[in-house]
Amino acid sequence: MTASDQYASVRYLVDDVQAAVDFYTAHLGFTLNTSAAPAFADVIRGPLRLLLSGPASSGARATPADATTAGRNRIHLTVDDLDAEIDRLRTAGLPFRSAPVSGPGGRQILLADPAGNLVELFQPARRSDARSAADEAEVGGGGDGSGA
């Protein structure tokens, strides 16, 4: 198996590639890497490469008919100030799919992209001691560091 050290890639199936590109680049800090719209585009943020596959793309065509709707998976983006991000994105008219949720690891909220795929915005809890996220997970932080 060949592995890339540059990016971890996640594929999202979308109804409208350009609408998805606009959403991720305008609101969530991604930059456009490649566009073959309306079939496919990919956007990048840090080490994440998000593959946006429209109905005509080979990635979407390979999907079994019973798995064509958005799933329960989501990308996880860490933010410094969750309340400020919520205010900014609500002002832009974006649809949240949950209320903010707090847990021992931090706070999070779910946002939907134009196709209904989920994006988790997560603000880590402030640590008052030197415990690491791994230590937190071992004592009941949910195991994934998300706090929920």
N, C-alpha and C. Protein backbone atom coordinates (compact mmCIF):
# COMPACT_ATOMS: atom_id res chain seq x y z
N MET A 1 0.85 -1.18 0.00
CA MET A 1 0.00 0.00 0.00
C MET A 1 0.88 1.23 0.00
N THR A 2 0.54 2.19 -0.82
CA THR A 2 1.27 3.45 -0.88
C THR A 2 0.60 4.46 0.04
N ALA A 3 1.38 5.14 0.83
CA ALA A 3 0.82 6.13 1.76
C ALA A 3 1.43 7.49 1.48
N SER A 4 0.60 8.51 1.64
CA SER A 4 1.07 9.88 1.49
C SER A 4 1.35 10.46 2.87
N ASP A 5 2.49 11.06 3.03
CA ASP A 5 2.82 11.69 4.31
C ASP A 5 2.26 13.10 4.40
N GLN A 6 1.76 13.63 3.28
CA GLN A 6 1.33 15.02 3.26
C GLN A 6 -0.07 15.23 3.80
N TYR A 7 -1.04 14.40 3.38
CA TYR A 7 -2.44 14.61 3.78
C TYR A 7 -3.11 13.32 4.21
N ALA A 8 -4.08 13.47 5.09
CA ALA A 8 -5.06 12.42 5.34
C ALA A 8 -6.29 12.84 4.56
N SER A 9 -6.87 11.94 3.78
CA SER A 9 -7.99 12.29 2.92
C SER A 9 -9.29 11.66 3.41
N VAL A 10 -10.37 12.43 3.31
CA VAL A 10 -11.71 11.97 3.62
C VAL A 10 -12.57 12.31 2.41
N ARG A 11 -13.42 11.37 1.98
CA ARG A 11 -14.31 11.62 0.84
C ARG A 11 -15.71 11.91 1.37
N TYR A 12 -16.28 13.02 0.92
CA TYR A 12 -17.68 13.34 1.17
C TYR A 12 -18.42 13.31 -0.17
N LEU A 13 -19.55 12.63 -0.20
CA LEU A 13 -20.41 12.63 -1.37
C LEU A 13 -21.31 13.86 -1.27
N VAL A 14 -21.35 14.65 -2.32
CA VAL A 14 -22.11 15.89 -2.31
C VAL A 14 -23.01 15.95 -3.54
N ASP A 15 -24.10 16.70 -3.43
CA ASP A 15 -25.02 16.88 -4.56
C ASP A 15 -24.50 17.92 -5.53
N ASP A 16 -23.81 18.94 -5.02
CA ASP A 16 -23.36 20.08 -5.82
C ASP A 16 -21.92 20.39 -5.43
N VAL A 17 -20.99 20.01 -6.26
CA VAL A 17 -19.56 20.17 -5.96
C VAL A 17 -19.21 21.63 -5.72
N GLN A 18 -19.66 22.53 -6.58
CA GLN A 18 -19.30 23.94 -6.43
C GLN A 18 -19.87 24.53 -5.14
N ALA A 19 -21.09 24.15 -4.77
CA ALA A 19 -21.67 24.63 -3.51
C ALA A 19 -20.84 24.15 -2.33
N ALA A 20 -20.36 22.90 -2.40
CA ALA A 20 -19.52 22.35 -1.32
C ALA A 20 -18.18 23.09 -1.26
N VAL A 21 -17.56 23.33 -2.40
CA VAL A 21 -16.29 24.08 -2.44
C VAL A 21 -16.50 25.46 -1.81
N ASP A 22 -17.56 26.14 -2.23
CA ASP A 22 -17.84 27.48 -1.69
C ASP A 22 -18.03 27.45 -0.18
N PHE A 23 -18.76 26.45 0.32
CA PHE A 23 -19.01 26.31 1.75
C PHE A 23 -17.69 26.14 2.52
N TYR A 24 -16.88 25.18 2.12
CA TYR A 24 -15.66 24.88 2.87
C TYR A 24 -14.61 25.99 2.75
N THR A 25 -14.51 26.62 1.59
CA THR A 25 -13.50 27.67 1.43
C THR A 25 -13.95 28.99 2.04
N ALA A 26 -15.21 29.32 1.94
CA ALA A 26 -15.68 30.62 2.45
C ALA A 26 -15.88 30.62 3.96
N HIS A 27 -16.23 29.48 4.53
CA HIS A 27 -16.63 29.47 5.94
C HIS A 27 -15.71 28.70 6.88
N LEU A 28 -14.94 27.74 6.38
CA LEU A 28 -14.20 26.87 7.29
C LEU A 28 -12.69 26.85 7.06
N GLY A 29 -12.17 27.78 6.28
CA GLY A 29 -10.73 27.94 6.16
C GLY A 29 -10.03 26.95 5.26
N PHE A 30 -10.76 26.25 4.40
CA PHE A 30 -10.13 25.35 3.43
C PHE A 30 -9.69 26.15 2.21
N THR A 31 -8.74 25.61 1.47
CA THR A 31 -8.34 26.20 0.20
C THR A 31 -8.57 25.16 -0.90
N LEU A 32 -8.93 25.65 -2.07
CA LEU A 32 -9.17 24.76 -3.20
C LEU A 32 -7.85 24.19 -3.69
N ASN A 33 -7.79 22.88 -3.86
CA ASN A 33 -6.61 22.23 -4.40
C ASN A 33 -6.81 21.90 -5.88
N THR A 34 -7.91 21.21 -6.19
CA THR A 34 -8.21 20.79 -7.55
C THR A 34 -9.70 20.91 -7.78
N SER A 35 -10.09 21.33 -8.99
CA SER A 35 -11.51 21.34 -9.33
C SER A 35 -11.72 20.72 -10.69
N ALA A 36 -12.60 19.73 -10.73
CA ALA A 36 -13.11 19.15 -11.97
C ALA A 36 -14.63 19.19 -11.87
N ALA A 37 -15.14 20.29 -11.30
CA ALA A 37 -16.58 20.46 -11.12
C ALA A 37 -17.26 20.39 -12.49
N PRO A 38 -18.41 19.79 -12.55
CA PRO A 38 -19.30 19.43 -11.46
C PRO A 38 -19.08 18.03 -10.89
N ALA A 39 -18.09 17.28 -11.38
CA ALA A 39 -17.90 15.91 -10.91
C ALA A 39 -17.14 15.83 -9.58
N PHE A 40 -16.07 16.62 -9.43
CA PHE A 40 -15.15 16.41 -8.31
C PHE A 40 -14.36 17.68 -8.01
N ALA A 41 -14.01 17.85 -6.75
CA ALA A 41 -13.03 18.86 -6.33
C ALA A 41 -12.42 18.36 -5.02
N ASP A 42 -11.27 18.90 -4.68
CA ASP A 42 -10.73 18.63 -3.35
C ASP A 42 -10.25 19.94 -2.75
N VAL A 43 -10.46 20.04 -1.44
CA VAL A 43 -10.06 21.22 -0.68
C VAL A 43 -9.17 20.76 0.47
N ILE A 44 -8.31 21.67 0.92
CA ILE A 44 -7.30 21.32 1.92
C ILE A 44 -7.35 22.30 3.08
N ARG A 45 -7.18 21.75 4.27
CA ARG A 45 -6.99 22.55 5.49
C ARG A 45 -5.98 21.79 6.34
N GLY A 46 -4.81 22.39 6.51
CA GLY A 46 -3.74 21.71 7.26
C GLY A 46 -3.46 20.35 6.62
N PRO A 47 -3.40 19.28 7.42
CA PRO A 47 -3.11 17.96 6.88
C PRO A 47 -4.32 17.21 6.34
N LEU A 48 -5.50 17.89 6.30
CA LEU A 48 -6.72 17.24 5.83
C LEU A 48 -7.02 17.61 4.38
N ARG A 49 -7.19 16.62 3.56
CA ARG A 49 -7.63 16.80 2.17
C ARG A 49 -9.04 16.23 2.09
N LEU A 50 -10.01 17.11 1.82
CA LEU A 50 -11.41 16.71 1.74
C LEU A 50 -11.79 16.55 0.28
N LEU A 51 -12.13 15.31 -0.10
CA LEU A 51 -12.51 14.98 -1.46
C LEU A 51 -14.01 15.18 -1.59
N LEU A 52 -14.43 16.05 -2.48
CA LEU A 52 -15.84 16.37 -2.67
C LEU A 52 -16.29 15.73 -3.97
N SER A 53 -17.02 14.64 -3.87
CA SER A 53 -17.40 13.85 -5.04
C SER A 53 -18.86 14.06 -5.38
N GLY A 54 -19.12 14.61 -6.57
CA GLY A 54 -20.47 14.80 -7.06
C GLY A 54 -21.02 13.51 -7.64
N PRO A 55 -22.31 13.51 -8.02
CA PRO A 55 -22.95 12.29 -8.53
C PRO A 55 -22.24 11.66 -9.73
N ALA A 56 -21.56 12.45 -10.55
CA ALA A 56 -20.91 11.91 -11.75
C ALA A 56 -19.49 11.40 -11.49
N SER A 57 -18.98 11.58 -10.28
CA SER A 57 -17.60 11.17 -10.00
C SER A 57 -17.49 9.66 -9.84
N SER A 58 -16.31 9.13 -10.11
CA SER A 58 -16.10 7.68 -9.93
C SER A 58 -16.26 7.29 -8.48
N GLY A 59 -15.87 8.18 -7.54
CA GLY A 59 -16.02 7.87 -6.12
C GLY A 59 -17.47 7.70 -5.72
N ALA A 60 -18.34 8.52 -6.26
CA ALA A 60 -19.76 8.41 -5.95
C ALA A 60 -20.38 7.20 -6.65
N ARG A 61 -19.96 6.94 -7.87
CA ARG A 61 -20.53 5.82 -8.62
C ARG A 61 -20.18 4.48 -7.99
N ALA A 62 -19.08 4.41 -7.26
CA ALA A 62 -18.67 3.15 -6.62
C ALA A 62 -19.45 2.87 -5.33
N THR A 63 -20.26 3.82 -4.89
CA THR A 63 -20.99 3.68 -3.63
C THR A 63 -22.23 2.82 -3.82
N PRO A 64 -22.42 1.79 -2.96
CA PRO A 64 -23.63 0.96 -3.06
C PRO A 64 -24.88 1.82 -2.86
N ALA A 65 -25.96 1.45 -3.53
CA ALA A 65 -27.21 2.22 -3.49
C ALA A 65 -27.72 2.43 -2.07
N ASP A 66 -27.51 1.47 -1.17
CA ASP A 66 -28.03 1.61 0.19
C ASP A 66 -27.15 2.49 1.07
N ALA A 67 -26.09 3.07 0.52
CA ALA A 67 -25.19 3.92 1.30
C ALA A 67 -25.01 5.30 0.65
N THR A 68 -26.00 5.76 -0.09
CA THR A 68 -25.84 7.01 -0.83
C THR A 68 -26.18 8.25 -0.01
N THR A 69 -26.82 8.11 1.14
CA THR A 69 -27.12 9.29 1.95
C THR A 69 -25.94 9.60 2.87
N ALA A 70 -25.91 10.84 3.33
CA ALA A 70 -24.84 11.23 4.27
C ALA A 70 -24.88 10.31 5.49
N GLY A 71 -23.71 9.95 5.97
CA GLY A 71 -23.63 9.01 7.09
C GLY A 71 -23.50 9.70 8.43
N ARG A 72 -23.17 8.93 9.43
CA ARG A 72 -23.01 9.46 10.78
C ARG A 72 -21.58 9.90 11.04
N ASN A 73 -20.69 9.71 10.08
CA ASN A 73 -19.31 10.16 10.24
C ASN A 73 -19.24 11.67 10.04
N ARG A 74 -18.18 12.26 10.53
CA ARG A 74 -17.99 13.69 10.36
C ARG A 74 -16.52 14.04 10.48
N ILE A 75 -16.15 15.15 9.84
CA ILE A 75 -14.80 15.63 10.06
C ILE A 75 -14.83 16.48 11.33
N HIS A 76 -13.71 16.58 11.97
CA HIS A 76 -13.57 17.20 13.28
C HIS A 76 -12.57 18.34 13.13
N LEU A 77 -13.04 19.58 13.31
CA LEU A 77 -12.17 20.75 13.19
C LEU A 77 -12.04 21.42 14.55
N THR A 78 -10.82 21.60 15.01
CA THR A 78 -10.59 22.25 16.29
C THR A 78 -10.59 23.76 16.11
N VAL A 79 -11.29 24.45 17.01
CA VAL A 79 -11.37 25.92 16.97
C VAL A 79 -10.91 26.47 18.31
N ASP A 80 -10.46 27.71 18.32
CA ASP A 80 -10.01 28.36 19.55
C ASP A 80 -11.16 28.88 20.39
N ASP A 81 -12.22 29.37 19.75
CA ASP A 81 -13.35 30.00 20.44
C ASP A 81 -14.64 29.53 19.79
N LEU A 82 -15.26 28.51 20.36
CA LEU A 82 -16.46 27.93 19.78
C LEU A 82 -17.60 28.94 19.68
N ASP A 83 -17.80 29.73 20.72
CA ASP A 83 -18.90 30.71 20.70
C ASP A 83 -18.72 31.72 19.58
N ALA A 84 -17.51 32.19 19.36
CA ALA A 84 -17.25 33.14 18.28
C ALA A 84 -17.52 32.49 16.92
N GLU A 85 -17.12 31.23 16.75
CA GLU A 85 -17.37 30.52 15.49
C GLU A 85 -18.87 30.33 15.26
N ILE A 86 -19.59 29.98 16.31
CA ILE A 86 -21.04 29.81 16.19
C ILE A 86 -21.68 31.12 15.76
N ASP A 87 -21.31 32.22 16.40
CA ASP A 87 -21.86 33.53 16.04
C ASP A 87 -21.53 33.88 14.58
N ARG A 88 -20.29 33.66 14.18
CA ARG A 88 -19.86 34.00 12.82
C ARG A 88 -20.63 33.18 11.78
N LEU A 89 -20.78 31.89 12.04
CA LEU A 89 -21.43 31.02 11.07
C LEU A 89 -22.95 31.20 11.05
N ARG A 90 -23.54 31.49 12.22
CA ARG A 90 -24.99 31.79 12.25
C ARG A 90 -25.27 33.07 11.48
N THR A 91 -24.41 34.07 11.64
CA THR A 91 -24.56 35.33 10.92
C THR A 91 -24.51 35.09 9.41
N ALA A 92 -23.71 34.10 8.98
CA ALA A 92 -23.62 33.75 7.56
C ALA A 92 -24.80 32.88 7.12
N GLY A 93 -25.70 32.54 8.04
CA GLY A 93 -26.89 31.76 7.70
C GLY A 93 -26.67 30.27 7.56
N LEU A 94 -25.60 29.74 8.16
CA LEU A 94 -25.32 28.31 8.02
C LEU A 94 -26.14 27.48 9.00
N PRO A 95 -26.52 26.25 8.59
CA PRO A 95 -27.40 25.42 9.41
C PRO A 95 -26.65 24.53 10.41
N PHE A 96 -26.89 24.73 11.68
CA PHE A 96 -26.35 23.84 12.70
C PHE A 96 -27.30 22.66 12.87
N ARG A 97 -26.73 21.50 13.19
CA ARG A 97 -27.53 20.29 13.36
C ARG A 97 -27.64 19.89 14.82
N SER A 98 -27.00 20.64 15.71
CA SER A 98 -27.10 20.35 17.14
C SER A 98 -26.91 21.65 17.90
N ALA A 99 -27.23 21.58 19.17
CA ALA A 99 -26.88 22.66 20.09
C ALA A 99 -25.45 22.38 20.56
N PRO A 100 -24.77 23.37 21.13
CA PRO A 100 -23.45 23.07 21.69
C PRO A 100 -23.57 22.02 22.80
N VAL A 101 -22.60 21.12 22.82
CA VAL A 101 -22.56 20.05 23.82
C VAL A 101 -21.23 20.16 24.55
N SER A 102 -21.28 20.03 25.88
CA SER A 102 -20.06 20.08 26.69
C SER A 102 -19.78 18.72 27.30
N GLY A 103 -18.50 18.40 27.41
CA GLY A 103 -18.07 17.17 28.05
C GLY A 103 -16.73 17.41 28.71
N PRO A 104 -16.15 16.39 29.31
CA PRO A 104 -14.89 16.58 30.02
C PRO A 104 -13.73 16.99 29.12
N GLY A 105 -13.80 16.68 27.82
CA GLY A 105 -12.72 17.03 26.91
C GLY A 105 -12.89 18.37 26.22
N GLY A 106 -14.09 18.95 26.29
CA GLY A 106 -14.31 20.23 25.64
C GLY A 106 -15.75 20.41 25.22
N ARG A 107 -15.95 21.33 24.26
CA ARG A 107 -17.29 21.66 23.75
C ARG A 107 -17.31 21.46 22.24
N GLN A 108 -18.49 21.10 21.72
CA GLN A 108 -18.62 20.87 20.29
C GLN A 108 -20.01 21.23 19.80
N ILE A 109 -20.12 21.43 18.50
CA ILE A 109 -21.40 21.65 17.83
C ILE A 109 -21.27 21.05 16.44
N LEU A 110 -22.40 20.60 15.88
CA LEU A 110 -22.40 20.03 14.54
C LEU A 110 -23.01 21.00 13.54
N LEU A 111 -22.33 21.13 12.42
CA LEU A 111 -22.73 21.98 11.31
C LEU A 111 -22.94 21.07 10.11
N ALA A 112 -23.88 21.41 9.23
CA ALA A 112 -24.10 20.61 8.03
C ALA A 112 -23.60 21.35 6.80
N ASP A 113 -22.93 20.63 5.90
CA ASP A 113 -22.53 21.24 4.63
C ASP A 113 -23.75 21.24 3.70
N PRO A 114 -23.66 21.81 2.50
CA PRO A 114 -24.84 21.87 1.64
C PRO A 114 -25.46 20.52 1.29
N ALA A 115 -24.71 19.43 1.35
CA ALA A 115 -25.25 18.10 1.06
C ALA A 115 -25.74 17.38 2.31
N GLY A 116 -25.57 17.99 3.48
CA GLY A 116 -25.99 17.36 4.73
C GLY A 116 -24.89 16.62 5.46
N ASN A 117 -23.66 16.60 4.92
CA ASN A 117 -22.53 15.97 5.61
C ASN A 117 -22.21 16.79 6.85
N LEU A 118 -21.81 16.10 7.90
CA LEU A 118 -21.57 16.78 9.17
C LEU A 118 -20.13 17.24 9.34
N VAL A 119 -19.99 18.39 9.99
CA VAL A 119 -18.70 18.95 10.38
C VAL A 119 -18.81 19.25 11.86
N GLU A 120 -17.91 18.70 12.66
CA GLU A 120 -17.88 18.98 14.09
C GLU A 120 -16.88 20.08 14.37
N LEU A 121 -17.35 21.16 14.98
CA LEU A 121 -16.45 22.21 15.45
C LEU A 121 -16.22 21.94 16.92
N PHE A 122 -14.96 21.85 17.33
CA PHE A 122 -14.61 21.41 18.67
C PHE A 122 -13.62 22.37 19.32
N GLN A 123 -13.95 22.79 20.55
CA GLN A 123 -13.03 23.60 21.35
C GLN A 123 -12.59 22.77 22.54
N PRO A 124 -11.30 22.43 22.62
CA PRO A 124 -10.81 21.63 23.75
C PRO A 124 -11.00 22.36 25.07
N ALA A 125 -11.21 21.57 26.12
CA ALA A 125 -11.31 22.15 27.46
C ALA A 125 -9.97 22.75 27.85
N ARG A 126 -10.03 23.81 28.60
CA ARG A 126 -8.80 24.41 29.14
C ARG A 126 -8.28 23.48 30.23
N ARG A 127 -7.03 23.16 30.17
CA ARG A 127 -6.42 22.27 31.16
C ARG A 127 -5.79 23.10 32.26
N SER A 128 -6.16 22.79 33.51
CA SER A 128 -5.58 23.51 34.64
C SER A 128 -4.35 22.81 35.18
N ASP A 129 -4.09 21.61 34.66
CA ASP A 129 -2.89 20.89 35.08
C ASP A 129 -2.18 20.37 33.83
N ALA A 130 -1.19 19.55 34.03
CA ALA A 130 -0.36 19.09 32.91
C ALA A 130 -0.85 17.78 32.30
N ARG A 131 -2.06 17.32 32.65
CA ARG A 131 -2.54 16.06 32.09
C ARG A 131 -2.74 16.19 30.59
N SER A 132 -2.39 15.15 29.89
CA SER A 132 -2.55 15.15 28.43
C SER A 132 -3.94 14.69 28.05
N ALA A 133 -4.28 14.84 26.80
CA ALA A 133 -5.56 14.37 26.30
C ALA A 133 -5.68 12.86 26.46
N ALA A 134 -4.55 12.15 26.34
CA ALA A 134 -4.58 10.70 26.52
C ALA A 134 -4.93 10.35 27.96
N ASP A 135 -4.38 11.10 28.92
CA ASP A 135 -4.72 10.87 30.32
C ASP A 135 -6.21 11.12 30.54
N GLU A 136 -6.73 12.18 29.94
CA GLU A 136 -8.15 12.51 30.06
C GLU A 136 -9.01 11.38 29.53
N ALA A 137 -8.63 10.83 28.38
CA ALA A 137 -9.41 9.74 27.78
C ALA A 137 -9.43 8.52 28.68
N GLU A 138 -8.31 8.23 29.35
CA GLU A 138 -8.23 7.05 30.22
C GLU A 138 -9.12 7.20 31.45
N VAL A 139 -9.42 8.42 31.88
CA VAL A 139 -10.23 8.59 33.08
C VAL A 139 -11.67 8.99 32.76
N GLY A 140 -12.11 8.69 31.53
CA GLY A 140 -13.51 8.88 31.23
C GLY A 140 -13.82 10.02 30.30
N GLY A 141 -12.88 10.45 29.52
CA GLY A 141 -13.12 11.54 28.58
C GLY A 141 -13.78 11.10 27.30
N GLY A 142 -14.24 9.86 27.22
CA GLY A 142 -14.93 9.41 26.02
C GLY A 142 -14.03 8.62 25.08
N GLY A 143 -12.73 8.61 25.34
CA GLY A 143 -11.83 7.81 24.54
C GLY A 143 -11.37 8.45 23.25
N ASP A 144 -12.11 9.47 22.74
CA ASP A 144 -11.70 10.07 21.49
C ASP A 144 -11.24 11.50 21.66
N GLY A 145 -11.21 11.97 22.89
CA GLY A 145 -10.74 13.33 23.15
C GLY A 145 -11.76 14.39 22.82
N SER A 146 -12.96 13.99 22.33
CA SER A 146 -13.93 14.99 21.92
C SER A 146 -14.77 15.50 23.07
N GLY A 147 -14.79 14.81 24.18
CA GLY A 147 -15.54 15.28 25.33
C GLY A 147 -16.99 14.88 25.29
N ALA A 148 -17.42 14.15 24.31
CA ALA A 148 -18.83 13.75 24.26
C ALA A 148 -18.94 12.27 24.01
